[in-house]
């Protein structure tokens, strides 16, 4: 199997995680962590459910991987995530010593890997991470666009209902 096919295989699992988040009314972002060719952890956004800002897909997957390996050092692990990690998640990725990050869609408003900042490659930090972007990027991006389009429609309908009652 080619590297591209391998990356797509794991990203498809991350996309399934993102769909789980969407079913819960969460922003559809999913992540998986791979160690020695095996998925050892996965996560999807759970911020709304637990009202906890740290419950991003990447953070939950990192916590699960640390438990699975009984170590905070994830040096031989790869992270696959549907959206470019934010500042918080990028910090956790660096601190966990994750080797590679593969992400789908760019995040022009909060991305800390390529869009707004370049934290994972910052030579001033004690660890740098190899990054590849655009893995099933269009599919990941479309899922987010569809989600937010639906959210906007619901808000618009809600406002209309308030106007017609009053």
C-alpha atoms as a PDB file:
ATOM      1  CA  UNK A   1       0.000   0.000   0.000  1.00  0.00           C
ATOM      2  CA  UNK A   2       1.373   3.446  -0.910  1.00  0.00           C
ATOM      3  CA  UNK A   3       1.911   6.142   1.703  1.00  0.00           C
ATOM      4  CA  UNK A   4      -0.938   8.135   0.171  1.00  0.00           C
ATOM      5  CA  UNK A   5      -3.340   5.198   0.539  1.00  0.00           C
ATOM      6  CA  UNK A   6      -2.189   4.599   4.117  1.00  0.00           C
ATOM      7  CA  UNK A   7      -2.758   8.261   5.010  1.00  0.00           C
ATOM      8  CA  UNK A   8      -6.206   8.177   3.403  1.00  0.00           C
ATOM      9  CA  UNK A   9      -7.085   4.995   5.303  1.00  0.00           C
ATOM     10  CA  UNK A  10      -6.360   6.602   8.670  1.00  0.00           C
ATOM     11  CA  UNK A  11      -7.958   9.907   7.687  1.00  0.00           C
ATOM     12  CA  UNK A  12     -11.153   8.030   6.820  1.00  0.00           C
ATOM     13  CA  UNK A  13     -11.227   6.751  10.404  1.00  0.00           C
ATOM     14  CA  UNK A  14     -10.757  10.331  11.636  1.00  0.00           C
ATOM     15  CA  UNK A  15     -13.639  11.390   9.372  1.00  0.00           C
ATOM     16  CA  UNK A  16     -15.823   8.701  10.987  1.00  0.00           C
ATOM     17  CA  UNK A  17     -14.930  10.217  14.355  1.00  0.00           C
ATOM     18  CA  UNK A  18     -15.927  13.640  13.012  1.00  0.00           C
ATOM     19  CA  UNK A  19     -19.300  12.222  11.982  1.00  0.00           C
ATOM     20  CA  UNK A  20     -19.751  10.967  15.564  1.00  0.00           C
ATOM     21  CA  UNK A  21     -19.184  14.522  16.795  1.00  0.00           C
ATOM     22  CA  UNK A  22     -21.717  15.846  14.316  1.00  0.00           C
ATOM     23  CA  UNK A  23     -24.347  13.363  15.508  1.00  0.00           C
ATOM     24  CA  UNK A  24     -23.904  14.872  18.982  1.00  0.00           C
ATOM     25  CA  UNK A  25     -24.315  18.416  17.670  1.00  0.00           C
ATOM     26  CA  UNK A  26     -20.597  19.094  18.000  1.00  0.00           C
ATOM     27  CA  UNK A  27     -18.376  20.689  15.372  1.00  0.00           C
ATOM     28  CA  UNK A  28     -17.396  17.681  13.209  1.00  0.00           C
ATOM     29  CA  UNK A  29     -13.710  17.233  13.906  1.00  0.00           C
ATOM     30  CA  UNK A  30     -12.153  13.827  14.435  1.00  0.00           C
ATOM     31  CA  UNK A  31      -8.697  12.512  15.227  1.00  0.00           C
ATOM     32  CA  UNK A  32      -6.850   9.214  15.477  1.00  0.00           C
ATOM     33  CA  UNK A  33      -3.382   8.349  16.720  1.00  0.00           C
ATOM     34  CA  UNK A  34      -1.404   5.569  15.086  1.00  0.00           C
ATOM     35  CA  UNK A  35       1.507   3.688  16.684  1.00  0.00           C
ATOM     36  CA  UNK A  36       3.406   0.993  14.786  1.00  0.00           C
ATOM     37  CA  UNK A  37       0.695   0.803  12.140  1.00  0.00           C
ATOM     38  CA  UNK A  38      -2.151   0.384  14.661  1.00  0.00           C
ATOM     39  CA  UNK A  39      -4.751   2.902  15.783  1.00  0.00           C
ATOM     40  CA  UNK A  40      -4.280   3.225  19.531  1.00  0.00           C
ATOM     41  CA  UNK A  41      -6.530   6.211  20.185  1.00  0.00           C
ATOM     42  CA  UNK A  42      -9.302   8.252  18.676  1.00  0.00           C
ATOM     43  CA  UNK A  43     -11.366  11.259  19.578  1.00  0.00           C
ATOM     44  CA  UNK A  44     -13.940  13.715  18.357  1.00  0.00           C
ATOM     45  CA  UNK A  45     -15.000  17.121  19.594  1.00  0.00           C
ATOM     46  CA  UNK A  46     -16.967  17.013  22.843  1.00  0.00           C
ATOM     47  CA  UNK A  47     -16.793  20.642  24.025  1.00  0.00           C
ATOM     48  CA  UNK A  48     -20.540  21.251  24.010  1.00  0.00           C
ATOM     49  CA  UNK A  49     -21.431  18.004  25.739  1.00  0.00           C
ATOM     50  CA  UNK A  50     -18.992  18.495  28.611  1.00  0.00           C
ATOM     51  CA  UNK A  51     -18.794  22.300  28.487  1.00  0.00           C
ATOM     52  CA  UNK A  52     -15.016  22.012  28.569  1.00  0.00           C
ATOM     53  CA  UNK A  53     -12.871  24.023  26.190  1.00  0.00           C
ATOM     54  CA  UNK A  54     -10.108  21.390  26.235  1.00  0.00           C
ATOM     55  CA  UNK A  55     -12.313  18.622  24.805  1.00  0.00           C
ATOM     56  CA  UNK A  56     -10.994  18.963  21.254  1.00  0.00           C
ATOM     57  CA  UNK A  57     -10.643  15.812  19.143  1.00  0.00           C
ATOM     58  CA  UNK A  58      -6.839  15.982  19.255  1.00  0.00           C
ATOM     59  CA  UNK A  59      -6.691  16.473  23.019  1.00  0.00           C
ATOM     60  CA  UNK A  60      -8.971  13.512  23.679  1.00  0.00           C
ATOM     61  CA  UNK A  61      -6.992  11.301  21.297  1.00  0.00           C
ATOM     62  CA  UNK A  62      -3.702  12.366  22.925  1.00  0.00           C
ATOM     63  CA  UNK A  63      -5.038  11.561  26.411  1.00  0.00           C
ATOM     64  CA  UNK A  64      -6.224   8.138  25.240  1.00  0.00           C
ATOM     65  CA  UNK A  65      -2.877   7.422  23.524  1.00  0.00           C
ATOM     66  CA  UNK A  66      -0.952   8.349  26.675  1.00  0.00           C
ATOM     67  CA  UNK A  67      -3.081   5.870  28.605  1.00  0.00           C
ATOM     68  CA  UNK A  68      -2.648   3.177  25.943  1.00  0.00           C
ATOM     69  CA  UNK A  69       1.157   3.545  25.963  1.00  0.00           C
ATOM     70  CA  UNK A  70       1.379   4.390  29.669  1.00  0.00           C
ATOM     71  CA  UNK A  71       3.536   7.372  28.761  1.00  0.00           C
ATOM     72  CA  UNK A  72       3.147  11.051  28.009  1.00  0.00           C
ATOM     73  CA  UNK A  73       5.802  10.659  25.321  1.00  0.00           C
ATOM     74  CA  UNK A  74       4.178   9.730  22.019  1.00  0.00           C
ATOM     75  CA  UNK A  75       7.451   9.864  20.085  1.00  0.00           C
ATOM     76  CA  UNK A  76       6.658   7.118  17.584  1.00  0.00           C
ATOM     77  CA  UNK A  77       3.075   8.179  16.978  1.00  0.00           C
ATOM     78  CA  UNK A  78       1.288   9.814  14.082  1.00  0.00           C
ATOM     79  CA  UNK A  79      -1.788  12.004  14.498  1.00  0.00           C
ATOM     80  CA  UNK A  80      -4.465  12.196  11.817  1.00  0.00           C
ATOM     81  CA  UNK A  81      -6.992  14.987  12.257  1.00  0.00           C
ATOM     82  CA  UNK A  82      -9.675  16.346   9.962  1.00  0.00           C
ATOM     83  CA  UNK A  83      -8.920  20.032  10.679  1.00  0.00           C
ATOM     84  CA  UNK A  84      -5.662  21.899  11.153  1.00  0.00           C
ATOM     85  CA  UNK A  85      -4.896  21.953  14.899  1.00  0.00           C
ATOM     86  CA  UNK A  86      -5.377  25.118  16.958  1.00  0.00           C
ATOM     87  CA  UNK A  87      -2.814  26.690  19.302  1.00  0.00           C
ATOM     88  CA  UNK A  88      -3.858  24.577  22.299  1.00  0.00           C
ATOM     89  CA  UNK A  89      -3.763  21.299  20.385  1.00  0.00           C
ATOM     90  CA  UNK A  90      -0.496  22.213  18.656  1.00  0.00           C
ATOM     91  CA  UNK A  91       1.067  22.840  22.061  1.00  0.00           C
ATOM     92  CA  UNK A  92      -0.093  19.438  23.269  1.00  0.00           C
ATOM     93  CA  UNK A  93       1.234  17.801  20.089  1.00  0.00           C
ATOM     94  CA  UNK A  94       4.676  19.333  20.620  1.00  0.00           C
ATOM     95  CA  UNK A  95       4.710  18.487  24.326  1.00  0.00           C
ATOM     96  CA  UNK A  96       3.668  14.890  23.617  1.00  0.00           C
ATOM     97  CA  UNK A  97       6.537  14.614  21.105  1.00  0.00           C
ATOM     98  CA  UNK A  98       4.244  13.306  18.349  1.00  0.00           C
ATOM     99  CA  UNK A  99       6.334  12.492  15.296  1.00  0.00           C
ATOM    100  CA  UNK A 100       3.967  13.280  12.395  1.00  0.00           C
ATOM    101  CA  UNK A 101       0.718  15.183  11.941  1.00  0.00           C
ATOM    102  CA  UNK A 102      -1.510  14.646   8.931  1.00  0.00           C
ATOM    103  CA  UNK A 103      -4.518  16.912   8.618  1.00  0.00           C
ATOM    104  CA  UNK A 104      -7.317  17.409   6.149  1.00  0.00           C
ATOM    105  CA  UNK A 105      -8.684  20.953   5.967  1.00  0.00           C
ATOM    106  CA  UNK A 106      -6.903  24.197   6.745  1.00  0.00           C
ATOM    107  CA  UNK A 107      -8.339  26.460   9.435  1.00  0.00           C
ATOM    108  CA  UNK A 108      -7.795  30.072   8.385  1.00  0.00           C
ATOM    109  CA  UNK A 109      -9.338  31.420  11.611  1.00  0.00           C
ATOM    110  CA  UNK A 110      -7.580  29.304  14.246  1.00  0.00           C
ATOM    111  CA  UNK A 111      -5.000  27.071  12.556  1.00  0.00           C
ATOM    112  CA  UNK A 112      -1.652  27.026  14.323  1.00  0.00           C
ATOM    113  CA  UNK A 113       0.182  24.651  11.979  1.00  0.00           C
ATOM    114  CA  UNK A 114       0.141  26.497   8.637  1.00  0.00           C
ATOM    115  CA  UNK A 115      -2.588  29.142   8.555  1.00  0.00           C
ATOM    116  CA  UNK A 116      -1.966  31.640  11.373  1.00  0.00           C
ATOM    117  CA  UNK A 117       1.091  30.183  13.092  1.00  0.00           C
ATOM    118  CA  UNK A 118       3.692  27.517  12.388  1.00  0.00           C
ATOM    119  CA  UNK A 119       4.063  26.053  15.873  1.00  0.00           C
ATOM    120  CA  UNK A 120       4.829  22.469  14.910  1.00  0.00           C
ATOM    121  CA  UNK A 121       7.900  23.471  12.910  1.00  0.00           C
ATOM    122  CA  UNK A 122       9.108  26.279  15.170  1.00  0.00           C
ATOM    123  CA  UNK A 123      12.834  25.707  15.692  1.00  0.00           C
ATOM    124  CA  UNK A 124      12.743  27.636  18.990  1.00  0.00           C
ATOM    125  CA  UNK A 125      10.735  24.821  20.576  1.00  0.00           C
ATOM    126  CA  UNK A 126      12.316  21.648  21.923  1.00  0.00           C
ATOM    127  CA  UNK A 127      10.479  19.409  19.423  1.00  0.00           C
ATOM    128  CA  UNK A 128       9.425  19.802  15.805  1.00  0.00           C
ATOM    129  CA  UNK A 129       6.760  17.754  14.078  1.00  0.00           C
ATOM    130  CA  UNK A 130       6.650  16.652  10.452  1.00  0.00           C
ATOM    131  CA  UNK A 131       3.371  17.883   8.901  1.00  0.00           C
ATOM    132  CA  UNK A 132       1.420  16.955   5.795  1.00  0.00           C
ATOM    133  CA  UNK A 133      -1.787  18.763   4.952  1.00  0.00           C
ATOM    134  CA  UNK A 134      -4.656  18.225   2.556  1.00  0.00           C
ATOM    135  CA  UNK A 135      -5.196  14.517   3.258  1.00  0.00           C
ATOM    136  CA  UNK A 136      -8.786  14.089   1.974  1.00  0.00           C
ATOM    137  CA  UNK A 137      -8.903  17.857   2.453  1.00  0.00           C
ATOM    138  CA  UNK A 138     -11.929  18.561   0.282  1.00  0.00           C
ATOM    139  CA  UNK A 139     -14.032  15.964   2.089  1.00  0.00           C
ATOM    140  CA  UNK A 140     -12.962  17.298   5.494  1.00  0.00           C
ATOM    141  CA  UNK A 141     -13.619  20.882   4.447  1.00  0.00           C
ATOM    142  CA  UNK A 142     -17.034  20.107   2.957  1.00  0.00           C
ATOM    143  CA  UNK A 143     -18.151  18.348   6.129  1.00  0.00           C
ATOM    144  CA  UNK A 144     -17.409  21.510   8.141  1.00  0.00           C
ATOM    145  CA  UNK A 145     -19.041  23.812   5.569  1.00  0.00           C
ATOM    146  CA  UNK A 146     -22.203  21.678   5.565  1.00  0.00           C
ATOM    147  CA  UNK A 147     -22.300  21.641   9.370  1.00  0.00           C
ATOM    148  CA  UNK A 148     -22.010  25.416   9.720  1.00  0.00           C
ATOM    149  CA  UNK A 149     -24.502  26.008   6.893  1.00  0.00           C
ATOM    150  CA  UNK A 150     -27.023  23.914   8.848  1.00  0.00           C
ATOM    151  CA  UNK A 151     -26.254  25.782  12.078  1.00  0.00           C
ATOM    152  CA  UNK A 152     -26.803  29.142  10.344  1.00  0.00           C
ATOM    153  CA  UNK A 153     -30.113  27.939   8.856  1.00  0.00           C
ATOM    154  CA  UNK A 154     -31.339  26.801  12.284  1.00  0.00           C
ATOM    155  CA  UNK A 155     -30.418  30.158  13.819  1.00  0.00           C
ATOM    156  CA  UNK A 156     -32.186  32.004  11.016  1.00  0.00           C
ATOM    157  CA  UNK A 157     -35.338  29.901  11.459  1.00  0.00           C
ATOM    158  CA  UNK A 158     -35.218  30.464  15.209  1.00  0.00           C
ATOM    159  CA  UNK A 159     -35.054  34.235  14.700  1.00  0.00           C
ATOM    160  CA  UNK A 160     -37.962  34.118  12.256  1.00  0.00           C
ATOM    161  CA  UNK A 161     -40.086  32.211  14.769  1.00  0.00           C
ATOM    162  CA  UNK A 162     -39.384  34.850  17.425  1.00  0.00           C
ATOM    163  CA  UNK A 163     -40.344  37.640  15.032  1.00  0.00           C
ATOM    164  CA  UNK A 164     -43.616  35.992  13.998  1.00  0.00           C
ATOM    165  CA  UNK A 165     -44.684  35.378  17.616  1.00  0.00           C
ATOM    166  CA  UNK A 166     -44.098  38.890  18.798  1.00  0.00           C
END
